[in-house]
Protein backbone atom coordinates (compact mmCIF):
# COMPACT_ATOMS: atom_id res chain seq x y z
CA MET A 1 -12.59 34.06 5.70
CA THR A 2 -11.89 32.01 2.88
CA HIS A 3 -10.24 28.62 2.97
CA ALA A 4 -7.53 27.22 0.73
CA PRO A 5 -8.00 24.34 -1.30
CA PRO A 6 -6.26 20.80 -0.30
CA GLU A 7 -2.88 20.89 -2.17
CA THR A 8 -3.97 18.72 -5.86
CA ALA A 9 -1.92 17.83 -8.73
CA GLN A 10 -3.12 17.57 -12.15
CA THR A 11 -3.31 13.76 -13.48
CA PRO A 12 -2.12 13.65 -17.13
CA ALA A 13 -4.38 10.77 -18.25
CA ARG A 14 -7.63 11.91 -17.57
CA GLY A 15 -7.01 15.76 -16.94
CA ARG A 16 -8.61 15.14 -13.26
CA LEU A 17 -7.56 16.74 -9.91
CA LYS A 18 -6.12 14.59 -7.34
CA ASP A 19 -5.60 15.82 -3.65
CA HIS A 20 -2.33 13.56 -2.50
CA GLY A 21 -2.66 15.45 0.87
CA ASP A 22 0.35 14.44 2.89
CA VAL A 23 1.32 10.88 1.17
CA GLU A 24 4.58 10.30 -0.09
CA PRO A 25 4.55 8.83 -3.79
CA LEU A 26 5.43 5.12 -3.12
CA ARG A 27 8.95 3.69 -4.70
CA PRO A 28 9.45 0.38 -7.15
CA LEU A 29 9.86 -2.81 -4.63
CA ARG A 30 12.80 -3.14 -7.33
CA VAL A 31 13.31 -1.17 -10.67
CA GLY A 32 12.14 -3.03 -13.67
CA TYR A 33 10.00 -5.62 -11.94
CA CYS A 34 6.47 -5.05 -11.47
CA ASP A 35 5.39 -4.49 -8.09
CA TYR A 36 2.53 -7.40 -8.33
CA CYS A 37 3.22 -9.93 -10.23
CA ARG A 38 7.14 -9.40 -9.83
CA GLU A 39 7.44 -9.52 -13.64
CA ARG A 40 9.93 -7.85 -15.72
CA ILE A 41 8.56 -4.81 -16.94
CA ASP A 42 9.20 -4.37 -20.69
CA PRO A 43 12.24 -2.68 -21.52
CA THR A 44 10.94 -0.63 -24.21
CA ALA A 45 7.69 0.61 -21.87
CA TYR A 46 9.62 1.46 -18.65
CA ARG A 47 9.61 4.82 -17.31
CA PRO A 48 11.86 5.92 -14.26
CA GLY A 49 9.97 5.23 -11.11
CA MET A 50 7.66 3.07 -12.75
CA ARG A 51 5.81 0.02 -10.71
CA PHE A 52 3.06 -1.80 -12.74
CA CYS A 53 3.54 -3.74 -15.93
CA ASN A 54 -0.25 -2.81 -16.92
CA SER A 55 -3.38 -1.83 -15.64
CA THR A 56 -4.35 -4.66 -14.39
CA CYS A 57 -1.75 -5.59 -12.12
CA ARG A 58 -1.94 -1.80 -10.94
CA THR A 59 -5.92 -2.42 -10.12
CA ASP A 60 -4.70 -5.51 -8.25
CA TRP A 61 -2.13 -3.99 -6.32
CA TRP A 62 -4.14 -0.97 -4.99
CA LYS A 63 -7.04 -3.76 -3.83
CA MET A 64 -4.80 -6.02 -2.14
CA ALA A 65 -3.15 -2.80 -0.73
CA ARG A 66 -6.42 -1.13 0.43
CA ASN A 67 -7.78 -4.52 2.16
CA ARG A 68 -4.34 -5.11 4.30
CA GLY A 69 -3.79 -1.39 5.23
CA ALA A 70 -7.32 -1.82 6.59
CA GLN A 71 -6.60 -5.10 8.15
CA LEU A 72 -3.37 -3.22 9.70
CA TYR A 73 -4.92 -0.01 10.37
CA HIS A 74 -7.92 -2.36 12.45
CA HIS A 75 -5.06 -3.75 14.60
CA LEU A 76 -3.08 -0.53 15.45
CA THR A 77 -6.49 1.25 16.38
CA VAL A 78 -6.98 -1.66 19.03
CA TRP A 79 -3.58 -1.66 20.43
CA ARG A 80 -4.05 2.46 20.58
CA MET A 81 -6.86 2.03 22.69
CA HIS A 82 -5.41 -0.97 24.91
CA ARG A 83 -1.47 -0.19 24.48
CA GLY A 84 -1.31 -3.85 24.28
CA ARG A 85 -1.86 -4.48 28.04
CA LYS A 86 -2.22 -7.97 29.49
CA GLY A 87 -5.95 -8.89 29.50
CA THR A 88 -7.11 -6.45 27.15
CA PRO A 89 -8.06 -7.08 23.46
CA GLY A 90 -4.23 -4.91 22.51
CA ALA A 91 -2.78 -7.79 24.06
CA GLY A 92 -0.22 -9.30 21.48
CA VAL A 93 -0.93 -7.05 18.70
CA PHE A 94 2.24 -6.60 17.44
CA SER A 95 2.63 -10.40 17.46
CA ARG A 96 -0.34 -10.52 15.52
CA ILE A 97 0.82 -7.46 13.14
CA SER A 98 4.44 -9.36 12.63
CA ALA A 99 2.40 -13.00 11.88
CA THR A 100 0.30 -11.21 9.38
CA ILE A 101 2.92 -9.77 7.48
CA ASP A 102 5.06 -12.84 7.21
CA MET A 103 1.83 -14.44 5.83
CA TRP A 104 1.11 -12.03 3.26
CA ALA A 105 5.35 -12.42 2.48
CA ARG A 106 4.94 -16.05 1.87
CA LYS A 107 2.08 -15.56 -0.17
CA ASP A 108 3.61 -12.78 -2.20
CA ARG A 109 6.36 -15.24 -2.96
CA GLY A 110 4.00 -17.89 -3.65
CA GLY A 111 4.06 -20.10 -1.45
CA ALA A 112 0.97 -21.19 1.04
């Protein structure tokens, strides 16, 4: 019995195959502005769906997203194991997640 390969899409830039699985493409946070540095994307370089002004911002954003995603994954795994019951490590996890996201939002806006 043979198994079908995962769904893949050709990447035009390098010609490699990427497995996108069930991941939905992310839309820009604000059309025409970089998702990382928040600066306006050069209108002559802009393409629909463009999220970053350059490759440095794209790389830095994905590093940040990976690290933040790992933190959220850890919090949710702890919550899932204990269902947030009082007296367990899962108690107050959603409050910690909310506080963490609030802190990231302040940092992203340039605050402390």
